[in-house]
Amino acid sequence: MSDTIDAGFIEQVVKMLVDNPDAVKVERKVDEMGVLISLDVDPKDMGIVIGREGQTAKALRTLLRVIGAKNNARVNLKINEPEGSERAMRNNQAPVAPEKKSIDDVVGEIEKM
């Protein structure tokens, strides 16, 4: 486990959530912006860590902010998407590419507003 409270906390919580706790890696960096906790997990566990509509990730970030506030530090969580991870589609739908628009179309839409 990491030797800092914030990184150690996130590591322990995520290890309890995932199916492959040995694949959990936590890295802590401090710079002028504050503390950045980077989280790596097994590709199969990404859905668990992110949660439905990102609720689990949001909760983890909120808890880290509380820990940071208690220690007068700004703490952020970055969840690295592992190579080979697959995002599940709702109702087995194929992914939809965003519609490509020309700059003229975009400007025209802005002018209509």
PDB file of N, CA and C in Angstrom:
ATOM      1  N   MET A   1       0.839  -1.173   0.000  1.00  0.00           N
ATOM      2  CA  MET A   1       0.000   0.000   0.000  1.00  0.00           C
ATOM      3  C   MET A   1       0.886   1.239   0.000  1.00  0.00           C
ATOM      4  N   SER A   2       0.383   2.331  -0.606  1.00  0.00           N
ATOM      5  CA  SER A   2       1.147   3.573  -0.660  1.00  0.00           C
ATOM      6  C   SER A   2       1.326   4.135   0.742  1.00  0.00           C
ATOM      7  N   ASP A   3       2.368   4.946   0.933  1.00  0.00           N
ATOM      8  CA  ASP A   3       2.670   5.444   2.262  1.00  0.00           C
ATOM      9  C   ASP A   3       1.953   6.748   2.595  1.00  0.00           C
ATOM     10  N   THR A   4       1.094   7.238   1.717  1.00  0.00           N
ATOM     11  CA  THR A   4       0.347   8.457   2.004  1.00  0.00           C
ATOM     12  C   THR A   4      -1.115   8.121   2.244  1.00  0.00           C
ATOM     13  N   ILE A   5      -1.777   8.957   3.004  1.00  0.00           N
ATOM     14  CA  ILE A   5      -3.161   8.682   3.380  1.00  0.00           C
ATOM     15  C   ILE A   5      -4.079   8.643   2.173  1.00  0.00           C
ATOM     16  N   ASP A   6      -3.989   9.658   1.301  1.00  0.00           N
ATOM     17  CA  ASP A   6      -4.917   9.735   0.169  1.00  0.00           C
ATOM     18  C   ASP A   6      -4.716   8.595  -0.831  1.00  0.00           C
ATOM     19  N   ALA A   7      -3.481   8.340  -1.218  1.00  0.00           N
ATOM     20  CA  ALA A   7      -3.208   7.262  -2.177  1.00  0.00           C
ATOM     21  C   ALA A   7      -3.498   5.894  -1.554  1.00  0.00           C
ATOM     22  N   GLY A   8      -3.145   5.715  -0.296  1.00  0.00           N
ATOM     23  CA  GLY A   8      -3.419   4.455   0.391  1.00  0.00           C
ATOM     24  C   GLY A   8      -4.908   4.191   0.526  1.00  0.00           C
ATOM     25  N   PHE A   9      -5.664   5.262   0.799  1.00  0.00           N
ATOM     26  CA  PHE A   9      -7.109   5.127   0.913  1.00  0.00           C
ATOM     27  C   PHE A   9      -7.722   4.662  -0.406  1.00  0.00           C
ATOM     28  N   ILE A  10      -7.368   5.335  -1.492  1.00  0.00           N
ATOM     29  CA  ILE A  10      -7.956   4.999  -2.787  1.00  0.00           C
ATOM     30  C   ILE A  10      -7.552   3.592  -3.201  1.00  0.00           C
ATOM     31  N   GLU A  11      -6.313   3.216  -2.923  1.00  0.00           N
ATOM     32  CA  GLU A  11      -5.840   1.873  -3.272  1.00  0.00           C
ATOM     33  C   GLU A  11      -6.649   0.803  -2.530  1.00  0.00           C
ATOM     34  N   GLN A  12      -6.850   0.990  -1.238  1.00  0.00           N
ATOM     35  CA  GLN A  12      -7.597   0.008  -0.443  1.00  0.00           C
ATOM     36  C   GLN A  12      -9.055  -0.105  -0.899  1.00  0.00           C
ATOM     37  N   VAL A  13      -9.693   1.037  -1.135  1.00  0.00           N
ATOM     38  CA  VAL A  13     -11.104   1.024  -1.541  1.00  0.00           C
ATOM     39  C   VAL A  13     -11.269   0.353  -2.896  1.00  0.00           C
ATOM     40  N   VAL A  14     -10.430   0.715  -3.857  1.00  0.00           N
ATOM     41  CA  VAL A  14     -10.549   0.145  -5.199  1.00  0.00           C
ATOM     42  C   VAL A  14     -10.248  -1.349  -5.174  1.00  0.00           C
ATOM     43  N   LYS A  15      -9.265  -1.767  -4.400  1.00  0.00           N
ATOM     44  CA  LYS A  15      -8.959  -3.207  -4.300  1.00  0.00           C
ATOM     45  C   LYS A  15     -10.136  -3.995  -3.753  1.00  0.00           C
ATOM     46  N   MET A  16     -10.936  -3.378  -2.887  1.00  0.00           N
ATOM     47  CA  MET A  16     -12.114  -4.062  -2.354  1.00  0.00           C
ATOM     48  C   MET A  16     -13.244  -4.136  -3.379  1.00  0.00           C
ATOM     49  N   LEU A  17     -13.246  -3.221  -4.322  1.00  0.00           N
ATOM     50  CA  LEU A  17     -14.315  -3.177  -5.324  1.00  0.00           C
ATOM     51  C   LEU A  17     -14.100  -4.123  -6.502  1.00  0.00           C
ATOM     52  N   VAL A  18     -12.852  -4.262  -6.947  1.00  0.00           N
ATOM     53  CA  VAL A  18     -12.565  -4.944  -8.209  1.00  0.00           C
ATOM     54  C   VAL A  18     -12.406  -6.454  -8.044  1.00  0.00           C
ATOM     55  N   ASP A  19     -12.470  -7.139  -9.189  1.00  0.00           N
ATOM     56  CA  ASP A  19     -12.285  -8.591  -9.206  1.00  0.00           C
ATOM     57  C   ASP A  19     -10.809  -8.978  -9.253  1.00  0.00           C
ATOM     58  N   ASN A  20      -9.949  -8.070  -9.725  1.00  0.00           N
ATOM     59  CA  ASN A  20      -8.507  -8.334  -9.842  1.00  0.00           C
ATOM     60  C   ASN A  20      -7.718  -7.318  -9.023  1.00  0.00           C
ATOM     61  N   PRO A  21      -7.702  -7.460  -7.699  1.00  0.00           N
ATOM     62  CA  PRO A  21      -7.019  -6.464  -6.867  1.00  0.00           C
ATOM     63  C   PRO A  21      -5.513  -6.377  -7.088  1.00  0.00           C
ATOM     64  N   ASP A  22      -4.903  -7.454  -7.591  1.00  0.00           N
ATOM     65  CA  ASP A  22      -3.456  -7.410  -7.827  1.00  0.00           C
ATOM     66  C   ASP A  22      -3.094  -6.476  -8.979  1.00  0.00           C
ATOM     67  N   ALA A  23      -4.061  -6.154  -9.837  1.00  0.00           N
ATOM     68  CA  ALA A  23      -3.800  -5.284 -10.989  1.00  0.00           C
ATOM     69  C   ALA A  23      -3.952  -3.799 -10.653  1.00  0.00           C
ATOM     70  N   VAL A  24      -4.394  -3.484  -9.439  1.00  0.00           N
ATOM     71  CA  VAL A  24      -4.594  -2.086  -9.048  1.00  0.00           C
ATOM     72  C   VAL A  24      -3.240  -1.434  -8.776  1.00  0.00           C
ATOM     73  N   LYS A  25      -3.000  -0.329  -9.458  1.00  0.00           N
ATOM     74  CA  LYS A  25      -1.758   0.439  -9.273  1.00  0.00           C
ATOM     75  C   LYS A  25      -2.137   1.893  -9.007  1.00  0.00           C
ATOM     76  N   VAL A  26      -1.569   2.468  -7.963  1.00  0.00           N
ATOM     77  CA  VAL A  26      -1.835   3.852  -7.595  1.00  0.00           C
ATOM     78  C   VAL A  26      -0.515   4.610  -7.600  1.00  0.00           C
ATOM     79  N   GLU A  27      -0.531   5.767  -8.252  1.00  0.00           N
ATOM     80  CA  GLU A  27       0.659   6.616  -8.299  1.00  0.00           C
ATOM     81  C   GLU A  27       0.266   8.002  -7.814  1.00  0.00           C
ATOM     82  N   ARG A  28       1.112   8.618  -7.000  1.00  0.00           N
ATOM     83  CA  ARG A  28       0.824   9.935  -6.425  1.00  0.00           C
ATOM     84  C   ARG A  28       1.882  10.931  -6.877  1.00  0.00           C
ATOM     85  N   LYS A  29       1.411  12.060  -7.423  1.00  0.00           N
ATOM     86  CA  LYS A  29       2.319  13.125  -7.848  1.00  0.00           C
ATOM     87  C   LYS A  29       1.867  14.431  -7.213  1.00  0.00           C
ATOM     88  N   VAL A  30       2.829  15.222  -6.766  1.00  0.00           N
ATOM     89  CA  VAL A  30       2.536  16.523  -6.180  1.00  0.00           C
ATOM     90  C   VAL A  30       3.192  17.586  -7.040  1.00  0.00           C
ATOM     91  N   ASP A  31       2.408  18.627  -7.382  1.00  0.00           N
ATOM     92  CA  ASP A  31       2.955  19.767  -8.110  1.00  0.00           C
ATOM     93  C   ASP A  31       2.276  21.035  -7.613  1.00  0.00           C
ATOM     94  N   GLU A  32       2.467  22.133  -8.330  1.00  0.00           N
ATOM     95  CA  GLU A  32       1.902  23.407  -7.885  1.00  0.00           C
ATOM     96  C   GLU A  32       0.375  23.421  -7.914  1.00  0.00           C
ATOM     97  N   MET A  33      -0.246  22.523  -8.666  1.00  0.00           N
ATOM     98  CA  MET A  33      -1.707  22.450  -8.749  1.00  0.00           C
ATOM     99  C   MET A  33      -2.303  21.624  -7.595  1.00  0.00           C
ATOM    100  N   GLY A  34      -1.495  20.852  -6.920  1.00  0.00           N
ATOM    101  CA  GLY A  34      -1.975  20.012  -5.833  1.00  0.00           C
ATOM    102  C   GLY A  34      -1.476  18.594  -5.985  1.00  0.00           C
ATOM    103  N   VAL A  35      -2.287  17.656  -5.521  1.00  0.00           N
ATOM    104  CA  VAL A  35      -1.927  16.236  -5.552  1.00  0.00           C
ATOM    105  C   VAL A  35      -2.743  15.561  -6.650  1.00  0.00           C
ATOM    106  N   LEU A  36      -2.076  14.757  -7.460  1.00  0.00           N
ATOM    107  CA  LEU A  36      -2.756  13.984  -8.497  1.00  0.00           C
ATOM    108  C   LEU A  36      -2.548  12.510  -8.203  1.00  0.00           C
ATOM    109  N   ILE A  37      -3.649  11.801  -7.999  1.00  0.00           N
ATOM    110  CA  ILE A  37      -3.621  10.360  -7.793  1.00  0.00           C
ATOM    111  C   ILE A  37      -4.008   9.716  -9.120  1.00  0.00           C
ATOM    112  N   SER A  38      -3.104   8.913  -9.691  1.00  0.00           N
ATOM    113  CA  SER A  38      -3.390   8.191 -10.934  1.00  0.00           C
ATOM    114  C   SER A  38      -3.700   6.750 -10.594  1.00  0.00           C
ATOM    115  N   LEU A  39      -4.786   6.242 -11.167  1.00  0.00           N
ATOM    116  CA  LEU A  39      -5.259   4.902 -10.862  1.00  0.00           C
ATOM    117  C   LEU A  39      -5.267   4.046 -12.117  1.00  0.00           C
ATOM    118  N   ASP A  40      -4.653   2.874 -12.033  1.00  0.00           N
ATOM    119  CA  ASP A  40      -4.671   1.892 -13.114  1.00  0.00           C
ATOM    120  C   ASP A  40      -5.312   0.623 -12.583  1.00  0.00           C
ATOM    121  N   VAL A  41      -6.231   0.054 -13.385  1.00  0.00           N
ATOM    122  CA  VAL A  41      -6.886  -1.193 -13.014  1.00  0.00           C
ATOM    123  C   VAL A  41      -6.911  -2.123 -14.215  1.00  0.00           C
ATOM    124  N   ASP A  42      -7.265  -3.370 -13.974  1.00  0.00           N
ATOM    125  CA  ASP A  42      -7.419  -4.351 -15.040  1.00  0.00           C
ATOM    126  C   ASP A  42      -8.520  -3.876 -15.995  1.00  0.00           C
ATOM    127  N   PRO A  43      -8.347  -4.089 -17.311  1.00  0.00           N
ATOM    128  CA  PRO A  43      -9.372  -3.650 -18.265  1.00  0.00           C
ATOM    129  C   PRO A  43     -10.772  -4.169 -17.949  1.00  0.00           C
ATOM    130  N   LYS A  44     -10.867  -5.358 -17.396  1.00  0.00           N
ATOM    131  CA  LYS A  44     -12.178  -5.935 -17.079  1.00  0.00           C
ATOM    132  C   LYS A  44     -12.842  -5.260 -15.876  1.00  0.00           C
ATOM    133  N   ASP A  45     -12.065  -4.533 -15.078  1.00  0.00           N
ATOM    134  CA  ASP A  45     -12.596  -3.886 -13.885  1.00  0.00           C
ATOM    135  C   ASP A  45     -12.957  -2.414 -14.088  1.00  0.00           C
ATOM    136  N   MET A  46     -12.746  -1.887 -15.281  1.00  0.00           N
ATOM    137  CA  MET A  46     -13.029  -0.473 -15.521  1.00  0.00           C
ATOM    138  C   MET A  46     -14.485  -0.122 -15.236  1.00  0.00           C
ATOM    139  N   GLY A  47     -15.394  -0.976 -15.655  1.00  0.00           N
ATOM    140  CA  GLY A  47     -16.814  -0.694 -15.427  1.00  0.00           C
ATOM    141  C   GLY A  47     -17.158  -0.593 -13.958  1.00  0.00           C
ATOM    142  N   ILE A  48     -16.527  -1.405 -13.145  1.00  0.00           N
ATOM    143  CA  ILE A  48     -16.776  -1.390 -11.703  1.00  0.00           C
ATOM    144  C   ILE A  48     -16.251  -0.087 -11.096  1.00  0.00           C
ATOM    145  N   VAL A  49     -15.067   0.329 -11.520  1.00  0.00           N
ATOM    146  CA  VAL A  49     -14.449   1.533 -10.963  1.00  0.00           C
ATOM    147  C   VAL A  49     -15.195   2.788 -11.406  1.00  0.00           C
ATOM    148  N   ILE A  50     -15.632   2.819 -12.640  1.00  0.00           N
ATOM    149  CA  ILE A  50     -16.369   3.985 -13.132  1.00  0.00           C
ATOM    150  C   ILE A  50     -17.792   3.996 -12.576  1.00  0.00           C
ATOM    151  N   GLY A  51     -18.460   2.852 -12.612  1.00  0.00           N
ATOM    152  CA  GLY A  51     -19.817   2.764 -12.093  1.00  0.00           C
ATOM    153  C   GLY A  51     -20.840   3.264 -13.092  1.00  0.00           C
ATOM    154  N   ARG A  52     -22.087   3.029 -12.785  1.00  0.00           N
ATOM    155  CA  ARG A  52     -23.184   3.459 -13.661  1.00  0.00           C
ATOM    156  C   ARG A  52     -23.191   4.986 -13.745  1.00  0.00           C
ATOM    157  N   GLU A  53     -23.097   5.474 -14.962  1.00  0.00           N
ATOM    158  CA  GLU A  53     -23.069   6.913 -15.244  1.00  0.00           C
ATOM    159  C   GLU A  53     -21.964   7.630 -14.467  1.00  0.00           C
ATOM    160  N   GLY A  54     -20.897   6.919 -14.141  1.00  0.00           N
ATOM    161  CA  GLY A  54     -19.745   7.531 -13.472  1.00  0.00           C
ATOM    162  C   GLY A  54     -19.924   7.792 -11.989  1.00  0.00           C
ATOM    163  N   GLN A  55     -20.930   7.200 -11.388  1.00  0.00           N
ATOM    164  CA  GLN A  55     -21.223   7.492  -9.988  1.00  0.00           C
ATOM    165  C   GLN A  55     -20.146   6.998  -9.025  1.00  0.00           C
ATOM    166  N   THR A  56     -19.559   5.841  -9.292  1.00  0.00           N
ATOM    167  CA  THR A  56     -18.517   5.326  -8.392  1.00  0.00           C
ATOM    168  C   THR A  56     -17.279   6.213  -8.471  1.00  0.00           C
ATOM    169  N   ALA A  57     -16.878   6.579  -9.679  1.00  0.00           N
ATOM    170  CA  ALA A  57     -15.720   7.462  -9.852  1.00  0.00           C
ATOM    171  C   ALA A  57     -15.971   8.814  -9.185  1.00  0.00           C
ATOM    172  N   LYS A  58     -17.168   9.326  -9.330  1.00  0.00           N
ATOM    173  CA  LYS A  58     -17.514  10.607  -8.711  1.00  0.00           C
ATOM    174  C   LYS A  58     -17.430  10.509  -7.191  1.00  0.00           C
ATOM    175  N   ALA A  59     -17.914   9.399  -6.636  1.00  0.00           N
ATOM    176  CA  ALA A  59     -17.857   9.205  -5.186  1.00  0.00           C
ATOM    177  C   ALA A  59     -16.415   9.112  -4.696  1.00  0.00           C
ATOM    178  N   LEU A  60     -15.572   8.393  -5.435  1.00  0.00           N
ATOM    179  CA  LEU A  60     -14.156   8.293  -5.070  1.00  0.00           C
ATOM    180  C   LEU A  60     -13.501   9.671  -5.073  1.00  0.00           C
ATOM    181  N   ARG A  61     -13.811  10.472  -6.085  1.00  0.00           N
ATOM    182  CA  ARG A  61     -13.234  11.828  -6.166  1.00  0.00           C
ATOM    183  C   ARG A  61     -13.717  12.701  -5.007  1.00  0.00           C
ATOM    184  N   THR A  62     -14.992  12.566  -4.652  1.00  0.00           N
ATOM    185  CA  THR A  62     -15.532  13.340  -3.532  1.00  0.00           C
ATOM    186  C   THR A  62     -14.837  12.975  -2.225  1.00  0.00           C
ATOM    187  N   LEU A  63     -14.655  11.692  -1.997  1.00  0.00           N
ATOM    188  CA  LEU A  63     -13.967  11.259  -0.781  1.00  0.00           C
ATOM    189  C   LEU A  63     -12.527  11.762  -0.745  1.00  0.00           C
ATOM    190  N   LEU A  64     -11.857  11.756  -1.900  1.00  0.00           N
ATOM    191  CA  LEU A  64     -10.489  12.277  -1.933  1.00  0.00           C
ATOM    192  C   LEU A  64     -10.452  13.771  -1.642  1.00  0.00           C
ATOM    193  N   ARG A  65     -11.443  14.510  -2.111  1.00  0.00           N
ATOM    194  CA  ARG A  65     -11.499  15.944  -1.816  1.00  0.00           C
ATOM    195  C   ARG A  65     -11.676  16.189  -0.324  1.00  0.00           C
ATOM    196  N   VAL A  66     -12.473  15.344   0.328  1.00  0.00           N
ATOM    197  CA  VAL A  66     -12.670  15.472   1.779  1.00  0.00           C
ATOM    198  C   VAL A  66     -11.354  15.220   2.507  1.00  0.00           C
ATOM    199  N   ILE A  67     -10.653  14.169   2.113  1.00  0.00           N
ATOM    200  CA  ILE A  67      -9.352  13.872   2.724  1.00  0.00           C
ATOM    201  C   ILE A  67      -8.387  15.031   2.473  1.00  0.00           C
ATOM    202  N   GLY A  68      -8.389  15.558   1.258  1.00  0.00           N
ATOM    203  CA  GLY A  68      -7.511  16.674   0.933  1.00  0.00           C
ATOM    204  C   GLY A  68      -7.850  17.921   1.736  1.00  0.00           C
ATOM    205  N   ALA A  69      -9.134  18.216   1.875  1.00  0.00           N
ATOM    206  CA  ALA A  69      -9.548  19.400   2.639  1.00  0.00           C
ATOM    207  C   ALA A  69      -9.107  19.289   4.097  1.00  0.00           C
ATOM    208  N   LYS A  70      -9.183  18.091   4.632  1.00  0.00           N
ATOM    209  CA  LYS A  70      -8.761  17.877   6.023  1.00  0.00           C
ATOM    210  C   LYS A  70      -7.266  18.133   6.189  1.00  0.00           C
ATOM    211  N   ASN A  71      -6.496  17.892   5.115  1.00  0.00           N
ATOM    212  CA  ASN A  71      -5.041  18.063   5.161  1.00  0.00           C
ATOM    213  C   ASN A  71      -4.578  19.307   4.395  1.00  0.00           C
ATOM    214  N   ASN A  72      -5.503  20.217   4.098  1.00  0.00           N
ATOM    215  CA  ASN A  72      -5.199  21.459   3.381  1.00  0.00           C
ATOM    216  C   ASN A  72      -4.486  21.216   2.059  1.00  0.00           C
ATOM    217  N   ALA A  73      -4.997  20.275   1.283  1.00  0.00           N
ATOM    218  CA  ALA A  73      -4.408  19.957  -0.015  1.00  0.00           C
ATOM    219  C   ALA A  73      -5.523  19.737  -1.034  1.00  0.00           C
ATOM    220  N   ARG A  74      -5.244  20.069  -2.260  1.00  0.00           N
ATOM    221  CA  ARG A  74      -6.182  19.800  -3.342  1.00  0.00           C
ATOM    222  C   ARG A  74      -5.804  18.449  -3.950  1.00  0.00           C
ATOM    223  N   VAL A  75      -6.725  17.504  -3.906  1.00  0.00           N
ATOM    224  CA  VAL A  75      -6.438  16.149  -4.378  1.00  0.00           C
ATOM    225  C   VAL A  75      -7.377  15.818  -5.533  1.00  0.00           C
ATOM    226  N   ASN A  76      -6.813  15.358  -6.644  1.00  0.00           N
ATOM    227  CA  ASN A  76      -7.585  14.958  -7.815  1.00  0.00           C
ATOM    228  C   ASN A  76      -7.284  13.504  -8.152  1.00  0.00           C
ATOM    229  N   LEU A  77      -8.267  12.845  -8.756  1.00  0.00           N
ATOM    230  CA  LEU A  77      -8.125  11.449  -9.165  1.00  0.00           C
ATOM    231  C   LEU A  77      -8.209  11.346 -10.673  1.00  0.00           C
ATOM    232  N   LYS A  78      -7.215  10.699 -11.264  1.00  0.00           N
ATOM    233  CA  LYS A  78      -7.205  10.416 -12.697  1.00  0.00           C
ATOM    234  C   LYS A  78      -7.276   8.902 -12.854  1.00  0.00           C
ATOM    235  N   ILE A  79      -8.307   8.441 -13.548  1.00  0.00           N
ATOM    236  CA  ILE A  79      -8.459   7.010 -13.797  1.00  0.00           C
ATOM    237  C   ILE A  79      -7.980   6.741 -15.211  1.00  0.00           C
ATOM    238  N   ASN A  80      -6.865   6.036 -15.330  1.00  0.00           N
ATOM    239  CA  ASN A  80      -6.290   5.744 -16.640  1.00  0.00           C
ATOM    240  C   ASN A  80      -7.038   4.599 -17.302  1.00  0.00           C
ATOM    241  N   GLU A  81      -7.460   4.817 -18.546  1.00  0.00           N
ATOM    242  CA  GLU A  81      -8.137   3.746 -19.275  1.00  0.00           C
ATOM    243  C   GLU A  81      -7.081   2.773 -19.779  1.00  0.00           C
ATOM    244  N   PRO A  82      -7.170   1.521 -19.369  1.00  0.00           N
ATOM    245  CA  PRO A  82      -6.153   0.546 -19.766  1.00  0.00           C
ATOM    246  C   PRO A  82      -6.279   0.173 -21.238  1.00  0.00           C
ATOM    247  N   GLU A  83      -5.148  -0.199 -21.843  1.00  0.00           N
ATOM    248  CA  GLU A  83      -5.155  -0.676 -23.211  1.00  0.00           C
ATOM    249  C   GLU A  83      -5.993  -1.936 -23.283  1.00  0.00           C
ATOM    250  N   GLY A  84      -6.823  -2.010 -24.288  1.00  0.00           N
ATOM    251  CA  GLY A  84      -7.633  -3.204 -24.473  1.00  0.00           C
ATOM    252  C   GLY A  84      -8.933  -3.199 -23.708  1.00  0.00           C
ATOM    253  N   SER A  85      -9.228  -2.103 -23.003  1.00  0.00           N
ATOM    254  CA  SER A  85     -10.512  -2.074 -22.297  1.00  0.00           C
ATOM    255  C   SER A  85     -11.627  -1.876 -23.309  1.00  0.00           C
ATOM    256  N   GLU A  86     -12.752  -2.432 -22.992  1.00  0.00           N
ATOM    257  CA  GLU A  86     -13.903  -2.327 -23.882  1.00  0.00           C
ATOM    258  C   GLU A  86     -15.035  -1.675 -23.127  1.00  0.00           C
ATOM    259  N   ARG A  87     -15.643  -0.705 -23.778  1.00  0.00           N
ATOM    260  CA  ARG A  87     -16.778  -0.034 -23.168  1.00  0.00           C
ATOM    261  C   ARG A  87     -18.045  -0.759 -23.576  1.00  0.00           C
ATOM    262  N   ALA A  88     -18.815  -1.130 -22.606  1.00  0.00           N
ATOM    263  CA  ALA A  88     -20.061  -1.844 -22.892  1.00  0.00           C
ATOM    264  C   ALA A  88     -21.072  -0.877 -23.495  1.00  0.00           C
ATOM    265  N   MET A  89     -21.777  -1.347 -24.499  1.00  0.00           N
ATOM    266  CA  MET A  89     -22.805  -0.545 -25.141  1.00  0.00           C
ATOM    267  C   MET A  89     -24.152  -0.888 -24.524  1.00  0.00           C
ATOM    268  N   ARG A  90     -25.017   0.092 -24.405  1.00  0.00           N
ATOM    269  CA  ARG A  90     -26.359  -0.151 -23.894  1.00  0.00           C
ATOM    270  C   ARG A  90     -27.154  -0.955 -24.895  1.00  0.00           C
ATOM    271  N   ASN A  91     -27.878  -1.923 -24.415  1.00  0.00           N
ATOM    272  CA  ASN A  91     -28.754  -2.748 -25.252  1.00  0.00           C
ATOM    273  C   ASN A  91     -28.022  -3.351 -26.451  1.00  0.00           C
ATOM    274  N   ASN A  92     -26.762  -3.684 -26.269  1.00  0.00           N
ATOM    275  CA  ASN A  92     -25.946  -4.299 -27.324  1.00  0.00           C
ATOM    276  C   ASN A  92     -25.919  -3.486 -28.612  1.00  0.00           C
ATOM    277  N   GLN A  93     -25.955  -2.175 -28.498  1.00  0.00           N
ATOM    278  CA  GLN A  93     -25.908  -1.302 -29.662  1.00  0.00           C
ATOM    279  C   GLN A  93     -24.463  -1.101 -30.087  1.00  0.00           C
ATOM    280  N   ALA A  94     -24.286  -0.889 -31.377  1.00  0.00           N
ATOM    281  CA  ALA A  94     -22.958  -0.573 -31.891  1.00  0.00           C
ATOM    282  C   ALA A  94     -22.632   0.870 -31.531  1.00  0.00           C
ATOM    283  N   PRO A  95     -21.348   1.184 -31.354  1.00  0.00           N
ATOM    284  CA  PRO A  95     -20.996   2.569 -31.034  1.00  0.00           C
ATOM    285  C   PRO A  95     -21.365   3.494 -32.191  1.00  0.00           C
ATOM    286  N   VAL A  96     -21.825   4.669 -31.838  1.00  0.00           N
ATOM    287  CA  VAL A  96     -22.225   5.646 -32.844  1.00  0.00           C
ATOM    288  C   VAL A  96     -21.161   6.732 -32.894  1.00  0.00           C
ATOM    289  N   ALA A  97     -20.625   6.945 -34.091  1.00  0.00           N
ATOM    290  CA  ALA A  97     -19.615   7.984 -34.259  1.00  0.00           C
ATOM    291  C   ALA A  97     -20.308   9.340 -34.227  1.00  0.00           C
ATOM    292  N   PRO A  98     -19.680  10.344 -33.621  1.00  0.00           N
ATOM    293  CA  PRO A  98     -20.299  11.659 -33.600  1.00  0.00           C
ATOM    294  C   PRO A  98     -20.438  12.207 -35.020  1.00  0.00           C
ATOM    295  N   GLU A  99     -21.522  12.936 -35.225  1.00  0.00           N
ATOM    296  CA  GLU A  99     -21.784  13.507 -36.539  1.00  0.00           C
ATOM    297  C   GLU A  99     -20.708  14.539 -36.865  1.00  0.00           C
ATOM    298  N   LYS A 100     -20.148  14.434 -38.055  1.00  0.00           N
ATOM    299  CA  LYS A 100     -19.136  15.403 -38.474  1.00  0.00           C
ATOM    300  C   LYS A 100     -19.824  16.540 -39.193  1.00  0.00           C
ATOM    301  N   LYS A 101     -19.461  17.773 -38.827  1.00  0.00           N
ATOM    302  CA  LYS A 101     -20.053  18.959 -39.420  1.00  0.00           C
ATOM    303  C   LYS A 101     -18.953  19.846 -39.973  1.00  0.00           C
ATOM    304  N   SER A 102     -19.322  20.583 -40.986  1.00  0.00           N
ATOM    305  CA  SER A 102     -18.365  21.544 -41.523  1.00  0.00           C
ATOM    306  C   SER A 102     -18.405  22.791 -40.650  1.00  0.00           C
ATOM    307  N   ILE A 103     -17.417  23.623 -40.781  1.00  0.00           N
ATOM    308  CA  ILE A 103     -17.369  24.859 -40.004  1.00  0.00           C
ATOM    309  C   ILE A 103     -18.543  25.764 -40.364  1.00  0.00           C
ATOM    310  N   ASP A 104     -18.987  25.707 -41.618  1.00  0.00           N
ATOM    311  CA  ASP A 104     -20.132  26.513 -42.044  1.00  0.00           C
ATOM    312  C   ASP A 104     -21.407  26.075 -41.324  1.00  0.00           C
ATOM    313  N   ASP A 105     -21.575  24.746 -41.149  1.00  0.00           N
ATOM    314  CA  ASP A 105     -22.741  24.237 -40.433  1.00  0.00           C
ATOM    315  C   ASP A 105     -22.740  24.699 -38.976  1.00  0.00           C
ATOM    316  N   VAL A 106     -21.586  24.643 -38.354  1.00  0.00           N
ATOM    317  CA  VAL A 106     -21.467  25.037 -36.947  1.00  0.00           C
ATOM    318  C   VAL A 106     -21.766  26.515 -36.802  1.00  0.00           C
ATOM    319  N   VAL A 107     -21.179  27.345 -37.671  1.00  0.00           N
ATOM    320  CA  VAL A 107     -21.417  28.801 -37.606  1.00  0.00           C
ATOM    321  C   VAL A 107     -22.890  29.084 -37.855  1.00  0.00           C
ATOM    322  N   GLY A 108     -23.512  28.363 -38.795  1.00  0.00           N
ATOM    323  CA  GLY A 108     -24.928  28.564 -39.070  1.00  0.00           C
ATOM    324  C   GLY A 108     -25.788  28.248 -37.861  1.00  0.00           C
ATOM    325  N   GLU A 109     -25.452  27.187 -37.134  1.00  0.00           N
ATOM    326  CA  GLU A 109     -26.204  26.833 -35.927  1.00  0.00           C
ATOM    327  C   GLU A 109     -26.047  27.887 -34.847  1.00  0.00           C
ATOM    328  N   ILE A 110     -24.849  28.461 -34.728  1.00  0.00           N
ATOM    329  CA  ILE A 110     -24.603  29.486 -33.734  1.00  0.00           C
ATOM    330  C   ILE A 110     -25.412  30.742 -34.078  1.00  0.00           C
ATOM    331  N   GLU A 111     -25.464  31.093 -35.360  1.00  0.00           N
ATOM    332  CA  GLU A 111     -26.196  32.286 -35.768  1.00  0.00           C
ATOM    333  C   GLU A 111     -27.694  32.146 -35.518  1.00  0.00           C
ATOM    334  N   LYS A 112     -28.210  30.913 -35.565  1.00  0.00           N
ATOM    335  CA  LYS A 112     -29.644  30.694 -35.320  1.00  0.00           C
ATOM    336  C   LYS A 112     -30.015  30.898 -33.869  1.00  0.00           C
ATOM    337  N   MET A 113     -29.046  30.799 -32.958  1.00  0.00           N
ATOM    338  CA  MET A 113     -29.315  30.916 -31.529  1.00  0.00           C
ATOM    339  C   MET A 113     -29.688  32.308 -31.167  1.00  0.00           C
TER     340      MET A 113
END
